[in-house]
Amino acid sequence: MRDLLFETDENPEAVITAHLDMTSITALEPGDQSNVVTEARLSLHGDEVPLTVNAAVARLGPATLLVTSAEPIVVNAGQLGLLEGIDRLRDVAGLASISPAVPVTFRLTLRRAEARVTVADPATPNPAN
């Protein structure tokens, strides 16, 4: 599937971009959960499509969130330039058809990274000078 459909050698990434109102998320106490609906963009295989994402966000700890899809996101392969890959998969599998619309769910654990500050030693010469 990686080679025939997604062609990961040429397209190694799928990127989702979304803007979230972090006010309600940062206000969550450990054990609390909130539903979030946001518009997002999926970039895959050189194409980009808009998505509406309905997710549940739960605070597991001071620096950890669990984000899960509250409902499946239907991704249409035709909008992402994947129809030829679906045809190749169909031929290999010997199937009469494969639906180009695929429901996708997700479950992400997000951990806030510790802030790291590096202070240059004034006695160490700067190689750029």
Protein backbone atom coordinates (compact mmCIF):
# COMPACT_ATOMS: atom_id res chain seq x y z
CA MET A 1 0.00 0.00 0.00
CA ARG A 2 2.88 2.37 0.80
CA ASP A 3 4.38 1.86 -2.67
CA LEU A 4 1.27 1.36 -4.80
CA LEU A 5 -1.05 3.93 -3.24
CA PHE A 6 0.86 6.50 -1.22
CA GLU A 7 4.18 6.34 -3.12
CA THR A 8 6.02 7.17 0.09
CA ASP A 9 9.41 7.25 -1.60
CA GLU A 10 8.26 10.37 -3.47
CA ASN A 11 5.68 11.61 -0.92
CA PRO A 12 6.96 10.72 2.56
CA GLU A 13 4.70 13.08 4.55
CA ALA A 14 1.09 13.81 5.24
CA VAL A 15 0.58 17.16 6.97
CA ILE A 16 -2.52 18.42 8.77
CA THR A 17 -2.68 22.12 9.62
CA ALA A 18 -5.31 23.53 11.97
CA HIS A 19 -5.75 26.61 14.12
CA LEU A 20 -7.09 25.96 17.60
CA ASP A 21 -8.42 28.26 20.28
CA MET A 22 -6.03 27.22 23.02
CA THR A 23 -7.89 29.12 25.77
CA SER A 24 -10.34 26.30 26.49
CA ILE A 25 -7.67 23.62 26.05
CA THR A 26 -5.17 25.19 28.44
CA ALA A 27 -7.96 25.67 31.01
CA LEU A 28 -8.55 21.90 31.20
CA GLU A 29 -7.59 20.28 34.50
CA PRO A 30 -6.17 16.72 34.53
CA GLY A 31 -9.09 14.37 33.93
CA ASP A 32 -11.19 17.02 32.13
CA GLN A 33 -12.27 16.68 28.51
CA SER A 34 -13.58 19.12 25.91
CA ASN A 35 -14.91 18.76 22.37
CA VAL A 36 -13.29 20.88 19.68
CA VAL A 37 -14.53 21.47 16.13
CA THR A 38 -12.09 23.15 13.77
CA GLU A 39 -11.35 23.59 10.11
CA ALA A 40 -8.11 21.99 8.95
CA ARG A 41 -6.14 21.34 5.77
CA LEU A 42 -4.70 17.96 4.77
CA SER A 43 -1.69 18.01 2.48
CA LEU A 44 -0.89 14.61 0.99
CA HIS A 45 0.62 13.36 -2.24
CA GLY A 46 1.12 16.92 -3.51
CA ASP A 47 -2.52 17.94 -3.10
CA GLU A 48 -4.35 19.77 -0.32
CA VAL A 49 -7.97 19.46 0.84
CA PRO A 50 -10.05 21.20 3.53
CA LEU A 51 -11.40 19.10 6.39
CA THR A 52 -13.74 19.68 9.31
CA VAL A 53 -12.32 17.96 12.38
CA ASN A 54 -14.45 17.08 15.41
CA ALA A 55 -12.14 15.96 18.21
CA ALA A 56 -12.22 15.21 21.91
CA VAL A 57 -9.34 16.70 23.90
CA ALA A 58 -8.58 15.30 27.35
CA ARG A 59 -5.89 16.53 29.72
CA LEU A 60 -4.03 13.53 31.13
CA GLY A 61 -1.48 15.52 33.13
CA PRO A 62 0.11 18.95 33.39
CA ALA A 63 1.95 18.55 30.06
CA THR A 64 0.01 15.75 28.32
CA LEU A 65 -3.12 15.81 26.16
CA LEU A 66 -5.01 12.96 24.53
CA VAL A 67 -6.69 14.05 21.28
CA THR A 68 -9.06 11.61 19.56
CA SER A 69 -11.45 11.92 16.68
CA ALA A 70 -15.00 12.29 17.94
CA GLU A 71 -16.28 11.16 14.55
CA PRO A 72 -14.55 9.77 11.44
CA ILE A 73 -13.19 12.18 8.85
CA VAL A 74 -14.11 11.05 5.34
CA VAL A 75 -11.13 11.49 3.01
CA ASN A 76 -11.75 11.26 -0.74
CA ALA A 77 -8.81 9.72 -2.61
CA GLY A 78 -9.78 11.54 -5.80
CA GLN A 79 -9.18 14.92 -4.17
CA LEU A 80 -5.66 13.82 -3.20
CA GLY A 81 -4.48 12.39 -6.52
CA LEU A 82 -4.67 8.79 -5.28
CA LEU A 83 -7.12 7.25 -7.78
CA GLU A 84 -4.38 5.65 -9.92
CA GLY A 85 -2.95 4.06 -6.78
CA ILE A 86 -6.38 2.72 -5.84
CA ASP A 87 -6.69 1.19 -9.31
CA ARG A 88 -3.27 -0.48 -8.89
CA LEU A 89 -4.32 -1.86 -5.49
CA ARG A 90 -7.61 -3.11 -6.94
CA ASP A 91 -5.73 -4.95 -9.72
CA VAL A 92 -3.21 -6.52 -7.32
CA ALA A 93 -5.97 -7.61 -4.93
CA GLY A 94 -8.20 -8.88 -7.75
CA LEU A 95 -11.16 -6.83 -6.58
CA ALA A 96 -13.98 -5.41 -8.68
CA SER A 97 -13.78 -2.06 -6.88
CA ILE A 98 -12.32 -0.17 -3.93
CA SER A 99 -14.18 2.85 -2.59
CA PRO A 100 -12.30 6.14 -3.02
CA ALA A 101 -13.95 7.54 0.15
CA VAL A 102 -12.23 6.36 3.32
CA PRO A 103 -13.27 7.12 6.92
CA VAL A 104 -10.23 8.04 9.02
CA THR A 105 -9.99 8.19 12.81
CA PHE A 106 -7.07 9.24 14.98
CA ARG A 107 -5.76 9.05 18.53
CA LEU A 108 -2.83 11.30 19.45
CA THR A 109 -0.95 11.71 22.71
CA LEU A 110 0.66 15.14 22.81
CA ARG A 111 3.36 15.98 25.32
CA ARG A 112 4.66 19.50 25.81
CA ALA A 113 8.42 19.59 25.40
CA GLU A 114 10.50 21.02 28.18
CA ALA A 115 11.85 24.46 27.39
CA ARG A 116 15.59 24.38 26.98
CA VAL A 117 17.69 27.47 27.15
CA THR A 118 21.27 27.38 25.97
CA VAL A 119 23.47 30.15 27.23
CA ALA A 120 26.66 30.76 25.32
CA ASP A 121 29.80 30.95 27.41
CA PRO A 122 31.27 34.42 26.79
CA ALA A 123 34.75 32.91 27.09
CA THR A 124 34.10 30.59 24.11
CA PRO A 125 35.01 32.22 20.79
CA ASN A 126 32.23 32.50 18.22
CA PRO A 127 33.29 30.58 15.05
CA ALA A 128 31.22 33.00 12.93
CA ASN A 129 33.59 35.88 13.81
